[in-house]
Amino acid sequence: MVGNNFIYPLESISIIEDYFRANFPRYNQTEKGMHAGFWWVSYCLDVILVRFDGDIGGVFHVYIHIDGKEYPLWQYNKKIISHDKTNSKNILFALNMVRDFLYESNIQLVKR
């Protein structure tokens, strides 16, 4: 960890990978990468694509696409706006929000 406010790209990706293994086991990782402090990872299941990207010490973003249409998390829950700094607490917050969004959208793809 670098300081108390941010984490290395590999740590960000690891948090997401661990969460998907535990909560979204049917999703396949379709993309993963790091370059010069930037990172990205994507998962897909059928018509659903979930993508995270961010940078060390900066902010990260979450993109959910269902059947080609983007569903911004901030429209679902505005709390995500204040949780965009790249750190483990905020990444976990966003992952839980993704889980809740998919569940509440009646997309029965979350392990129960």
PDB file of N, CA and C in Angstrom:
ATOM      1  N   MET A   1       0.848  -1.176   0.000  1.00  0.00           N
ATOM      2  CA  MET A   1       0.000   0.000   0.000  1.00  0.00           C
ATOM      3  C   MET A   1       0.888   1.232   0.000  1.00  0.00           C
ATOM      4  N   VAL A   2       0.462   2.240  -0.712  1.00  0.00           N
ATOM      5  CA  VAL A   2       1.177   3.504  -0.773  1.00  0.00           C
ATOM      6  C   VAL A   2       0.436   4.490   0.114  1.00  0.00           C
ATOM      7  N   GLY A   3       1.036   4.889   1.216  1.00  0.00           N
ATOM      8  CA  GLY A   3       0.357   5.794   2.130  1.00  0.00           C
ATOM      9  C   GLY A   3      -0.930   5.180   2.642  1.00  0.00           C
ATOM     10  N   ASN A   4      -1.861   5.998   3.079  1.00  0.00           N
ATOM     11  CA  ASN A   4      -3.143   5.499   3.553  1.00  0.00           C
ATOM     12  C   ASN A   4      -4.269   5.751   2.569  1.00  0.00           C
ATOM     13  N   ASN A   5      -3.990   6.475   1.495  1.00  0.00           N
ATOM     14  CA  ASN A   5      -5.078   6.928   0.642  1.00  0.00           C
ATOM     15  C   ASN A   5      -5.248   6.169  -0.652  1.00  0.00           C
ATOM     16  N   PHE A   6      -4.272   5.408  -1.077  1.00  0.00           N
ATOM     17  CA  PHE A   6      -4.427   4.713  -2.345  1.00  0.00           C
ATOM     18  C   PHE A   6      -3.615   3.429  -2.358  1.00  0.00           C
ATOM     19  N   ILE A   7      -3.897   2.608  -3.350  1.00  0.00           N
ATOM     20  CA  ILE A   7      -3.259   1.306  -3.451  1.00  0.00           C
ATOM     21  C   ILE A   7      -2.700   1.109  -4.854  1.00  0.00           C
ATOM     22  N   TYR A   8      -1.788   0.173  -4.963  1.00  0.00           N
ATOM     23  CA  TYR A   8      -1.184  -0.141  -6.251  1.00  0.00           C
ATOM     24  C   TYR A   8      -2.211  -0.783  -7.184  1.00  0.00           C
ATOM     25  N   PRO A   9      -2.023  -0.641  -8.492  1.00  0.00           N
ATOM     26  CA  PRO A   9      -2.964  -1.220  -9.451  1.00  0.00           C
ATOM     27  C   PRO A   9      -3.230  -2.716  -9.243  1.00  0.00           C
ATOM     28  N   LEU A  10      -2.186  -3.491  -8.982  1.00  0.00           N
ATOM     29  CA  LEU A  10      -2.381  -4.926  -8.791  1.00  0.00           C
ATOM     30  C   LEU A  10      -3.286  -5.214  -7.590  1.00  0.00           C
ATOM     31  N   GLU A  11      -3.189  -4.409  -6.545  1.00  0.00           N
ATOM     32  CA  GLU A  11      -4.060  -4.579  -5.375  1.00  0.00           C
ATOM     33  C   GLU A  11      -5.514  -4.266  -5.732  1.00  0.00           C
ATOM     34  N   SER A  12      -5.731  -3.223  -6.515  1.00  0.00           N
ATOM     35  CA  SER A  12      -7.092  -2.884  -6.949  1.00  0.00           C
ATOM     36  C   SER A  12      -7.706  -4.043  -7.722  1.00  0.00           C
ATOM     37  N   ILE A  13      -6.948  -4.564  -8.672  1.00  0.00           N
ATOM     38  CA  ILE A  13      -7.431  -5.676  -9.486  1.00  0.00           C
ATOM     39  C   ILE A  13      -7.678  -6.906  -8.622  1.00  0.00           C
ATOM     40  N   SER A  14      -6.796  -7.191  -7.675  1.00  0.00           N
ATOM     41  CA  SER A  14      -6.958  -8.359  -6.806  1.00  0.00           C
ATOM     42  C   SER A  14      -8.227  -8.294  -5.969  1.00  0.00           C
ATOM     43  N   ILE A  15      -8.554  -7.120  -5.468  1.00  0.00           N
ATOM     44  CA  ILE A  15      -9.787  -6.942  -4.692  1.00  0.00           C
ATOM     45  C   ILE A  15     -10.997  -7.300  -5.558  1.00  0.00           C
ATOM     46  N   ILE A  16     -10.995  -6.818  -6.783  1.00  0.00           N
ATOM     47  CA  ILE A  16     -12.109  -7.072  -7.705  1.00  0.00           C
ATOM     48  C   ILE A  16     -12.167  -8.546  -8.080  1.00  0.00           C
ATOM     49  N   GLU A  17     -11.017  -9.141  -8.377  1.00  0.00           N
ATOM     50  CA  GLU A  17     -10.991 -10.568  -8.736  1.00  0.00           C
ATOM     51  C   GLU A  17     -11.504 -11.431  -7.584  1.00  0.00           C
ATOM     52  N   ASP A  18     -11.062 -11.162  -6.379  1.00  0.00           N
ATOM     53  CA  ASP A  18     -11.515 -11.932  -5.214  1.00  0.00           C
ATOM     54  C   ASP A  18     -13.017 -11.799  -5.024  1.00  0.00           C
ATOM     55  N   TYR A  19     -13.525 -10.590  -5.182  1.00  0.00           N
ATOM     56  CA  TYR A  19     -14.952 -10.338  -5.007  1.00  0.00           C
ATOM     57  C   TYR A  19     -15.762 -11.082  -6.070  1.00  0.00           C
ATOM     58  N   PHE A  20     -15.306 -11.027  -7.307  1.00  0.00           N
ATOM     59  CA  PHE A  20     -16.037 -11.720  -8.372  1.00  0.00           C
ATOM     60  C   PHE A  20     -16.009 -13.225  -8.169  1.00  0.00           C
ATOM     61  N   ARG A  21     -14.891 -13.773  -7.731  1.00  0.00           N
ATOM     62  CA  ARG A  21     -14.825 -15.217  -7.467  1.00  0.00           C
ATOM     63  C   ARG A  21     -15.844 -15.618  -6.400  1.00  0.00           C
ATOM     64  N   ALA A  22     -15.991 -14.792  -5.374  1.00  0.00           N
ATOM     65  CA  ALA A  22     -16.879 -15.106  -4.257  1.00  0.00           C
ATOM     66  C   ALA A  22     -18.350 -14.805  -4.554  1.00  0.00           C
ATOM     67  N   ASN A  23     -18.631 -13.762  -5.313  1.00  0.00           N
ATOM     68  CA  ASN A  23     -20.002 -13.285  -5.475  1.00  0.00           C
ATOM     69  C   ASN A  23     -20.584 -13.422  -6.874  1.00  0.00           C
ATOM     70  N   PHE A  24     -19.728 -13.512  -7.865  1.00  0.00           N
ATOM     71  CA  PHE A  24     -20.174 -13.621  -9.252  1.00  0.00           C
ATOM     72  C   PHE A  24     -19.415 -14.760  -9.943  1.00  0.00           C
ATOM     73  N   PRO A  25     -19.536 -15.971  -9.433  1.00  0.00           N
ATOM     74  CA  PRO A  25     -18.702 -17.065  -9.949  1.00  0.00           C
ATOM     75  C   PRO A  25     -18.967 -17.436 -11.402  1.00  0.00           C
ATOM     76  N   ARG A  26     -20.123 -17.077 -11.926  1.00  0.00           N
ATOM     77  CA  ARG A  26     -20.441 -17.425 -13.313  1.00  0.00           C
ATOM     78  C   ARG A  26     -19.865 -16.428 -14.320  1.00  0.00           C
ATOM     79  N   TYR A  27     -19.410 -15.295 -13.849  1.00  0.00           N
ATOM     80  CA  TYR A  27     -18.849 -14.284 -14.744  1.00  0.00           C
ATOM     81  C   TYR A  27     -17.441 -14.684 -15.175  1.00  0.00           C
ATOM     82  N   ASN A  28     -17.096 -14.361 -16.410  1.00  0.00           N
ATOM     83  CA  ASN A  28     -15.761 -14.622 -16.941  1.00  0.00           C
ATOM     84  C   ASN A  28     -14.991 -13.320 -17.042  1.00  0.00           C
ATOM     85  N   GLN A  29     -13.738 -13.372 -16.617  1.00  0.00           N
ATOM     86  CA  GLN A  29     -12.886 -12.198 -16.786  1.00  0.00           C
ATOM     87  C   GLN A  29     -12.529 -12.094 -18.260  1.00  0.00           C
ATOM     88  N   THR A  30     -12.815 -10.946 -18.852  1.00  0.00           N
ATOM     89  CA  THR A  30     -12.584 -10.769 -20.285  1.00  0.00           C
ATOM     90  C   THR A  30     -11.421  -9.835 -20.582  1.00  0.00           C
ATOM     91  N   GLU A  31     -11.017  -9.076 -19.574  1.00  0.00           N
ATOM     92  CA  GLU A  31      -9.936  -8.110 -19.795  1.00  0.00           C
ATOM     93  C   GLU A  31      -9.273  -7.813 -18.455  1.00  0.00           C
ATOM     94  N   LYS A  32      -7.969  -7.629 -18.487  1.00  0.00           N
ATOM     95  CA  LYS A  32      -7.216  -7.278 -17.284  1.00  0.00           C
ATOM     96  C   LYS A  32      -5.914  -6.650 -17.743  1.00  0.00           C
ATOM     97  N   GLY A  33      -5.563  -5.511 -17.147  1.00  0.00           N
ATOM     98  CA  GLY A  33      -4.304  -4.901 -17.534  1.00  0.00           C
ATOM     99  C   GLY A  33      -3.885  -3.772 -16.617  1.00  0.00           C
ATOM    100  N   MET A  34      -2.629  -3.417 -16.746  1.00  0.00           N
ATOM    101  CA  MET A  34      -2.026  -2.318 -15.999  1.00  0.00           C
ATOM    102  C   MET A  34      -0.988  -1.667 -16.899  1.00  0.00           C
ATOM    103  N   HIS A  35      -0.874  -0.353 -16.763  1.00  0.00           N
ATOM    104  CA  HIS A  35       0.171   0.355 -17.492  1.00  0.00           C
ATOM    105  C   HIS A  35       0.396   1.706 -16.829  1.00  0.00           C
ATOM    106  N   ALA A  36       1.605   1.955 -16.409  1.00  0.00           N
ATOM    107  CA  ALA A  36       2.028   3.258 -15.881  1.00  0.00           C
ATOM    108  C   ALA A  36       1.080   3.805 -14.816  1.00  0.00           C
ATOM    109  N   GLY A  37       0.667   2.975 -13.886  1.00  0.00           N
ATOM    110  CA  GLY A  37      -0.194   3.410 -12.801  1.00  0.00           C
ATOM    111  C   GLY A  37      -1.674   3.310 -13.083  1.00  0.00           C
ATOM    112  N   PHE A  38      -2.041   3.004 -14.320  1.00  0.00           N
ATOM    113  CA  PHE A  38      -3.441   2.809 -14.684  1.00  0.00           C
ATOM    114  C   PHE A  38      -3.762   1.322 -14.657  1.00  0.00           C
ATOM    115  N   TRP A  39      -5.004   0.997 -14.386  1.00  0.00           N
ATOM    116  CA  TRP A  39      -5.418  -0.408 -14.339  1.00  0.00           C
ATOM    117  C   TRP A  39      -6.849  -0.538 -14.861  1.00  0.00           C
ATOM    118  N   TRP A  40      -7.209  -1.762 -15.288  1.00  0.00           N
ATOM    119  CA  TRP A  40      -8.549  -2.040 -15.768  1.00  0.00           C
ATOM    120  C   TRP A  40      -8.810  -3.537 -15.668  1.00  0.00           C
ATOM    121  N   VAL A  41     -10.063  -3.880 -15.464  1.00  0.00           N
ATOM    122  CA  VAL A  41     -10.491  -5.277 -15.418  1.00  0.00           C
ATOM    123  C   VAL A  41     -11.965  -5.327 -15.787  1.00  0.00           C
ATOM    124  N   SER A  42     -12.331  -6.333 -16.602  1.00  0.00           N
ATOM    125  CA  SER A  42     -13.713  -6.477 -17.058  1.00  0.00           C
ATOM    126  C   SER A  42     -14.185  -7.907 -16.866  1.00  0.00           C
ATOM    127  N   TYR A  43     -15.479  -8.029 -16.607  1.00  0.00           N
ATOM    128  CA  TYR A  43     -16.132  -9.327 -16.474  1.00  0.00           C
ATOM    129  C   TYR A  43     -17.383  -9.335 -17.319  1.00  0.00           C
ATOM    130  N   CYS A  44     -17.743 -10.512 -17.814  1.00  0.00           N
ATOM    131  CA  CYS A  44     -18.887 -10.629 -18.695  1.00  0.00           C
ATOM    132  C   CYS A  44     -19.657 -11.906 -18.380  1.00  0.00           C
ATOM    133  N   LEU A  45     -20.973 -11.812 -18.509  1.00  0.00           N
ATOM    134  CA  LEU A  45     -21.851 -12.975 -18.448  1.00  0.00           C
ATOM    135  C   LEU A  45     -23.028 -12.692 -19.365  1.00  0.00           C
ATOM    136  N   ASP A  46     -23.143 -13.498 -20.381  1.00  0.00           N
ATOM    137  CA  ASP A  46     -24.209 -13.328 -21.368  1.00  0.00           C
ATOM    138  C   ASP A  46     -24.181 -11.890 -21.902  1.00  0.00           C
ATOM    139  N   VAL A  47     -25.226 -11.113 -21.667  1.00  0.00           N
ATOM    140  CA  VAL A  47     -25.318  -9.753 -22.215  1.00  0.00           C
ATOM    141  C   VAL A  47     -24.876  -8.685 -21.217  1.00  0.00           C
ATOM    142  N   ILE A  48     -24.287  -9.108 -20.096  1.00  0.00           N
ATOM    143  CA  ILE A  48     -23.872  -8.168 -19.054  1.00  0.00           C
ATOM    144  C   ILE A  48     -22.353  -8.024 -19.056  1.00  0.00           C
ATOM    145  N   LEU A  49     -21.893  -6.780 -19.098  1.00  0.00           N
ATOM    146  CA  LEU A  49     -20.473  -6.460 -19.003  1.00  0.00           C
ATOM    147  C   LEU A  49     -20.282  -5.506 -17.829  1.00  0.00           C
ATOM    148  N   VAL A  50     -19.342  -5.848 -16.938  1.00  0.00           N
ATOM    149  CA  VAL A  50     -18.986  -4.974 -15.823  1.00  0.00           C
ATOM    150  C   VAL A  50     -17.508  -4.656 -15.967  1.00  0.00           C
ATOM    151  N   ARG A  51     -17.178  -3.365 -16.034  1.00  0.00           N
ATOM    152  CA  ARG A  51     -15.787  -2.945 -16.231  1.00  0.00           C
ATOM    153  C   ARG A  51     -15.406  -1.938 -15.159  1.00  0.00           C
ATOM    154  N   PHE A  52     -14.221  -2.143 -14.604  1.00  0.00           N
ATOM    155  CA  PHE A  52     -13.614  -1.212 -13.660  1.00  0.00           C
ATOM    156  C   PHE A  52     -12.343  -0.681 -14.296  1.00  0.00           C
ATOM    157  N   ASP A  53     -12.065   0.607 -14.111  1.00  0.00           N
ATOM    158  CA  ASP A  53     -10.758   1.134 -14.477  1.00  0.00           C
ATOM    159  C   ASP A  53     -10.418   2.284 -13.537  1.00  0.00           C
ATOM    160  N   GLY A  54      -9.135   2.519 -13.376  1.00  0.00           N
ATOM    161  CA  GLY A  54      -8.711   3.577 -12.479  1.00  0.00           C
ATOM    162  C   GLY A  54      -7.218   3.797 -12.549  1.00  0.00           C
ATOM    163  N   ASP A  55      -6.732   4.585 -11.596  1.00  0.00           N
ATOM    164  CA  ASP A  55      -5.303   4.857 -11.554  1.00  0.00           C
ATOM    165  C   ASP A  55      -4.846   4.971 -10.105  1.00  0.00           C
ATOM    166  N   ILE A  56      -3.573   4.802  -9.916  1.00  0.00           N
ATOM    167  CA  ILE A  56      -2.981   4.860  -8.583  1.00  0.00           C
ATOM    168  C   ILE A  56      -3.084   6.292  -8.057  1.00  0.00           C
ATOM    169  N   GLY A  57      -3.638   6.421  -6.890  1.00  0.00           N
ATOM    170  CA  GLY A  57      -3.736   7.730  -6.260  1.00  0.00           C
ATOM    171  C   GLY A  57      -4.817   8.632  -6.805  1.00  0.00           C
ATOM    172  N   GLY A  58      -5.573   8.139  -7.765  1.00  0.00           N
ATOM    173  CA  GLY A  58      -6.612   8.968  -8.369  1.00  0.00           C
ATOM    174  C   GLY A  58      -7.986   8.396  -8.113  1.00  0.00           C
ATOM    175  N   VAL A  59      -8.756   8.317  -9.167  1.00  0.00           N
ATOM    176  CA  VAL A  59     -10.122   7.821  -9.053  1.00  0.00           C
ATOM    177  C   VAL A  59     -10.294   6.572  -9.909  1.00  0.00           C
ATOM    178  N   PHE A  60     -11.377   5.851  -9.643  1.00  0.00           N
ATOM    179  CA  PHE A  60     -11.717   4.702 -10.465  1.00  0.00           C
ATOM    180  C   PHE A  60     -13.165   4.852 -10.921  1.00  0.00           C
ATOM    181  N   HIS A  61     -13.517   4.094 -11.953  1.00  0.00           N
ATOM    182  CA  HIS A  61     -14.861   4.143 -12.526  1.00  0.00           C
ATOM    183  C   HIS A  61     -15.384   2.722 -12.684  1.00  0.00           C
ATOM    184  N   VAL A  62     -16.695   2.598 -12.632  1.00  0.00           N
ATOM    185  CA  VAL A  62     -17.368   1.327 -12.860  1.00  0.00           C
ATOM    186  C   VAL A  62     -18.373   1.537 -13.987  1.00  0.00           C
ATOM    187  N   TYR A  63     -18.360   0.630 -14.933  1.00  0.00           N
ATOM    188  CA  TYR A  63     -19.282   0.683 -16.058  1.00  0.00           C
ATOM    189  C   TYR A  63     -20.071  -0.622 -16.093  1.00  0.00           C
ATOM    190  N   ILE A  64     -21.384  -0.520 -16.160  1.00  0.00           N
ATOM    191  CA  ILE A  64     -22.231  -1.692 -16.320  1.00  0.00           C
ATOM    192  C   ILE A  64     -22.976  -1.529 -17.637  1.00  0.00           C
ATOM    193  N   HIS A  65     -22.837  -2.524 -18.495  1.00  0.00           N
ATOM    194  CA  HIS A  65     -23.553  -2.538 -19.769  1.00  0.00           C
ATOM    195  C   HIS A  65     -24.404  -3.796 -19.801  1.00  0.00           C
ATOM    196  N   ILE A  66     -25.685  -3.621 -20.078  1.00  0.00           N
ATOM    197  CA  ILE A  66     -26.600  -4.742 -20.211  1.00  0.00           C
ATOM    198  C   ILE A  66     -27.218  -4.666 -21.591  1.00  0.00           C
ATOM    199  N   ASP A  67     -26.929  -5.686 -22.362  1.00  0.00           N
ATOM    200  CA  ASP A  67     -27.426  -5.751 -23.738  1.00  0.00           C
ATOM    201  C   ASP A  67     -27.063  -4.490 -24.524  1.00  0.00           C
ATOM    202  N   GLY A  68     -25.835  -4.013 -24.295  1.00  0.00           N
ATOM    203  CA  GLY A  68     -25.311  -2.863 -25.028  1.00  0.00           C
ATOM    204  C   GLY A  68     -25.665  -1.504 -24.454  1.00  0.00           C
ATOM    205  N   LYS A  69     -26.542  -1.460 -23.453  1.00  0.00           N
ATOM    206  CA  LYS A  69     -26.938  -0.187 -22.853  1.00  0.00           C
ATOM    207  C   LYS A  69     -26.179   0.028 -21.547  1.00  0.00           C
ATOM    208  N   GLU A  70     -25.605   1.230 -21.388  1.00  0.00           N
ATOM    209  CA  GLU A  70     -24.862   1.535 -20.167  1.00  0.00           C
ATOM    210  C   GLU A  70     -25.807   1.971 -19.053  1.00  0.00           C
ATOM    211  N   TYR A  71     -25.536   1.471 -17.844  1.00  0.00           N
ATOM    212  CA  TYR A  71     -26.290   1.825 -16.647  1.00  0.00           C
ATOM    213  C   TYR A  71     -25.327   2.454 -15.644  1.00  0.00           C
ATOM    214  N   PRO A  72     -25.216   3.778 -15.620  1.00  0.00           N
ATOM    215  CA  PRO A  72     -24.294   4.441 -14.688  1.00  0.00           C
ATOM    216  C   PRO A  72     -24.726   4.214 -13.235  1.00  0.00           C
ATOM    217  N   LEU A  73     -23.778   3.793 -12.406  1.00  0.00           N
ATOM    218  CA  LEU A  73     -24.093   3.530 -11.002  1.00  0.00           C
ATOM    219  C   LEU A  73     -24.554   4.781 -10.274  1.00  0.00           C
ATOM    220  N   TRP A  74     -24.053   5.946 -10.649  1.00  0.00           N
ATOM    221  CA  TRP A  74     -24.440   7.163  -9.936  1.00  0.00           C
ATOM    222  C   TRP A  74     -25.921   7.466 -10.117  1.00  0.00           C
ATOM    223  N   GLN A  75     -26.533   6.967 -11.194  1.00  0.00           N
ATOM    224  CA  GLN A  75     -27.971   7.156 -11.361  1.00  0.00           C
ATOM    225  C   GLN A  75     -28.758   6.208 -10.466  1.00  0.00           C
ATOM    226  N   TYR A  76     -28.161   5.085 -10.154  1.00  0.00           N
ATOM    227  CA  TYR A  76     -28.781   4.110  -9.258  1.00  0.00           C
ATOM    228  C   TYR A  76     -28.658   4.556  -7.798  1.00  0.00           C
ATOM    229  N   ASN A  77     -27.460   5.035  -7.433  1.00  0.00           N
ATOM    230  CA  ASN A  77     -27.205   5.463  -6.060  1.00  0.00           C
ATOM    231  C   ASN A  77     -26.129   6.546  -6.092  1.00  0.00           C
ATOM    232  N   LYS A  78     -26.495   7.753  -5.760  1.00  0.00           N
ATOM    233  CA  LYS A  78     -25.572   8.885  -5.850  1.00  0.00           C
ATOM    234  C   LYS A  78     -24.414   8.811  -4.847  1.00  0.00           C
ATOM    235  N   LYS A  79     -24.483   7.919  -3.872  1.00  0.00           N
ATOM    236  CA  LYS A  79     -23.389   7.770  -2.909  1.00  0.00           C
ATOM    237  C   LYS A  79     -22.084   7.381  -3.584  1.00  0.00           C
ATOM    238  N   ILE A  80     -22.168   6.736  -4.741  1.00  0.00           N
ATOM    239  CA  ILE A  80     -20.951   6.311  -5.439  1.00  0.00           C
ATOM    240  C   ILE A  80     -20.079   7.504  -5.802  1.00  0.00           C
ATOM    241  N   ILE A  81     -20.682   8.660  -5.990  1.00  0.00           N
ATOM    242  CA  ILE A  81     -19.934   9.856  -6.380  1.00  0.00           C
ATOM    243  C   ILE A  81     -18.876  10.214  -5.332  1.00  0.00           C
ATOM    244  N   SER A  82     -19.197  10.030  -4.071  1.00  0.00           N
ATOM    245  CA  SER A  82     -18.248  10.370  -3.004  1.00  0.00           C
ATOM    246  C   SER A  82     -17.335   9.204  -2.642  1.00  0.00           C
ATOM    247  N   HIS A  83     -17.404   8.107  -3.402  1.00  0.00           N
ATOM    248  CA  HIS A  83     -16.564   6.938  -3.148  1.00  0.00           C
ATOM    249  C   HIS A  83     -15.761   6.569  -4.393  1.00  0.00           C
ATOM    250  N   ASP A  84     -15.202   7.559  -5.069  1.00  0.00           N
ATOM    251  CA  ASP A  84     -14.503   7.280  -6.324  1.00  0.00           C
ATOM    252  C   ASP A  84     -12.978   7.293  -6.211  1.00  0.00           C
ATOM    253  N   LYS A  85     -12.442   7.609  -5.059  1.00  0.00           N
ATOM    254  CA  LYS A  85     -10.985   7.567  -4.882  1.00  0.00           C
ATOM    255  C   LYS A  85     -10.521   6.115  -4.856  1.00  0.00           C
ATOM    256  N   THR A  86      -9.407   5.845  -5.504  1.00  0.00           N
ATOM    257  CA  THR A  86      -8.912   4.479  -5.605  1.00  0.00           C
ATOM    258  C   THR A  86      -8.312   4.028  -4.278  1.00  0.00           C
ATOM    259  N   ASN A  87      -9.124   3.331  -3.500  1.00  0.00           N
ATOM    260  CA  ASN A  87      -8.647   2.663  -2.283  1.00  0.00           C
ATOM    261  C   ASN A  87      -9.527   1.447  -2.046  1.00  0.00           C
ATOM    262  N   SER A  88      -9.083   0.554  -1.194  1.00  0.00           N
ATOM    263  CA  SER A  88      -9.791  -0.714  -1.025  1.00  0.00           C
ATOM    264  C   SER A  88     -11.208  -0.521  -0.495  1.00  0.00           C
ATOM    265  N   LYS A  89     -11.407   0.395   0.426  1.00  0.00           N
ATOM    266  CA  LYS A  89     -12.737   0.632   0.994  1.00  0.00           C
ATOM    267  C   LYS A  89     -13.719   1.069  -0.096  1.00  0.00           C
ATOM    268  N   ASN A  90     -13.304   1.981  -0.949  1.00  0.00           N
ATOM    269  CA  ASN A  90     -14.184   2.483  -2.005  1.00  0.00           C
ATOM    270  C   ASN A  90     -14.438   1.446  -3.094  1.00  0.00           C
ATOM    271  N   ILE A  91     -13.431   0.659  -3.411  1.00  0.00           N
ATOM    272  CA  ILE A  91     -13.624  -0.400  -4.413  1.00  0.00           C
ATOM    273  C   ILE A  91     -14.637  -1.416  -3.900  1.00  0.00           C
ATOM    274  N   LEU A  92     -14.525  -1.796  -2.629  1.00  0.00           N
ATOM    275  CA  LEU A  92     -15.494  -2.728  -2.047  1.00  0.00           C
ATOM    276  C   LEU A  92     -16.889  -2.107  -2.005  1.00  0.00           C
ATOM    277  N   PHE A  93     -16.973  -0.829  -1.696  1.00  0.00           N
ATOM    278  CA  PHE A  93     -18.258  -0.129  -1.709  1.00  0.00           C
ATOM    279  C   PHE A  93     -18.893  -0.229  -3.099  1.00  0.00           C
ATOM    280  N   ALA A  94     -18.100   0.028  -4.134  1.00  0.00           N
ATOM    281  CA  ALA A  94     -18.605  -0.028  -5.513  1.00  0.00           C
ATOM    282  C   ALA A  94     -19.005  -1.451  -5.901  1.00  0.00           C
ATOM    283  N   LEU A  95     -18.217  -2.426  -5.491  1.00  0.00           N
ATOM    284  CA  LEU A  95     -18.552  -3.821  -5.802  1.00  0.00           C
ATOM    285  C   LEU A  95     -19.882  -4.219  -5.169  1.00  0.00           C
ATOM    286  N   ASN A  96     -20.094  -3.811  -3.929  1.00  0.00           N
ATOM    287  CA  ASN A  96     -21.369  -4.101  -3.271  1.00  0.00           C
ATOM    288  C   ASN A  96     -22.521  -3.388  -3.979  1.00  0.00           C
ATOM    289  N   MET A  97     -22.257  -2.200  -4.480  1.00  0.00           N
ATOM    290  CA  MET A  97     -23.287  -1.464  -5.214  1.00  0.00           C
ATOM    291  C   MET A  97     -23.607  -2.164  -6.539  1.00  0.00           C
ATOM    292  N   VAL A  98     -22.590  -2.688  -7.212  1.00  0.00           N
ATOM    293  CA  VAL A  98     -22.816  -3.451  -8.444  1.00  0.00           C
ATOM    294  C   VAL A  98     -23.689  -4.660  -8.122  1.00  0.00           C
ATOM    295  N   ARG A  99     -23.349  -5.382  -7.079  1.00  0.00           N
ATOM    296  CA  ARG A  99     -24.129  -6.553  -6.665  1.00  0.00           C
ATOM    297  C   ARG A  99     -25.590  -6.167  -6.403  1.00  0.00           C
ATOM    298  N   ASP A 100     -25.779  -5.100  -5.634  1.00  0.00           N
ATOM    299  CA  ASP A 100     -27.133  -4.656  -5.309  1.00  0.00           C
ATOM    300  C   ASP A 100     -27.894  -4.211  -6.557  1.00  0.00           C
ATOM    301  N   PHE A 101     -27.219  -3.485  -7.445  1.00  0.00           N
ATOM    302  CA  PHE A 101     -27.852  -3.034  -8.679  1.00  0.00           C
ATOM    303  C   PHE A 101     -28.341  -4.219  -9.501  1.00  0.00           C
ATOM    304  N   LEU A 102     -27.487  -5.211  -9.696  1.00  0.00           N
ATOM    305  CA  LEU A 102     -27.871  -6.370 -10.493  1.00  0.00           C
ATOM    306  C   LEU A 102     -29.010  -7.137  -9.832  1.00  0.00           C
ATOM    307  N   TYR A 103     -28.953  -7.258  -8.514  1.00  0.00           N
ATOM    308  CA  TYR A 103     -30.009  -7.976  -7.802  1.00  0.00           C
ATOM    309  C   TYR A 103     -31.331  -7.206  -7.862  1.00  0.00           C
ATOM    310  N   GLU A 104     -31.292  -5.927  -7.565  1.00  0.00           N
ATOM    311  CA  GLU A 104     -32.516  -5.121  -7.549  1.00  0.00           C
ATOM    312  C   GLU A 104     -33.072  -4.879  -8.943  1.00  0.00           C
ATOM    313  N   SER A 105     -32.230  -5.011  -9.944  1.00  0.00           N
ATOM    314  CA  SER A 105     -32.700  -4.881 -11.324  1.00  0.00           C
ATOM    315  C   SER A 105     -33.319  -6.184 -11.808  1.00  0.00           C
ATOM    316  N   ASN A 106     -33.464  -7.120 -10.866  1.00  0.00           N
ATOM    317  CA  ASN A 106     -34.051  -8.433 -11.145  1.00  0.00           C
ATOM    318  C   ASN A 106     -33.208  -9.232 -12.127  1.00  0.00           C
ATOM    319  N   ILE A 107     -31.918  -9.012 -12.069  1.00  0.00           N
ATOM    320  CA  ILE A 107     -30.993  -9.797 -12.873  1.00  0.00           C
ATOM    321  C   ILE A 107     -30.464 -10.885 -11.951  1.00  0.00           C
ATOM    322  N   GLN A 108     -30.982 -12.057 -12.087  1.00  0.00           N
ATOM    323  CA  GLN A 108     -30.716 -13.141 -11.148  1.00  0.00           C
ATOM    324  C   GLN A 108     -29.400 -13.844 -11.493  1.00  0.00           C
ATOM    325  N   LEU A 109     -28.330 -13.113 -11.460  1.00  0.00           N
ATOM    326  CA  LEU A 109     -27.030 -13.673 -11.790  1.00  0.00           C
ATOM    327  C   LEU A 109     -26.076 -13.603 -10.629  1.00  0.00           C
ATOM    328  N   VAL A 110     -26.561 -13.208  -9.470  1.00  0.00           N
ATOM    329  CA  VAL A 110     -25.736 -13.105  -8.281  1.00  0.00           C
ATOM    330  C   VAL A 110     -25.908 -14.391  -7.480  1.00  0.00           C
ATOM    331  N   LYS A 111     -24.803 -14.959  -7.025  1.00  0.00           N
ATOM    332  CA  LYS A 111     -24.849 -16.188  -6.232  1.00  0.00           C
ATOM    333  C   LYS A 111     -25.622 -15.928  -4.945  1.00  0.00           C
ATOM    334  N   ARG A 112     -26.586 -16.744  -4.666  1.00  0.00           N
ATOM    335  CA  ARG A 112     -27.374 -16.635  -3.431  1.00  0.00           C
ATOM    336  C   ARG A 112     -27.287 -17.905  -2.653  1.00  0.00           C
TER     337      ARG A 112
END
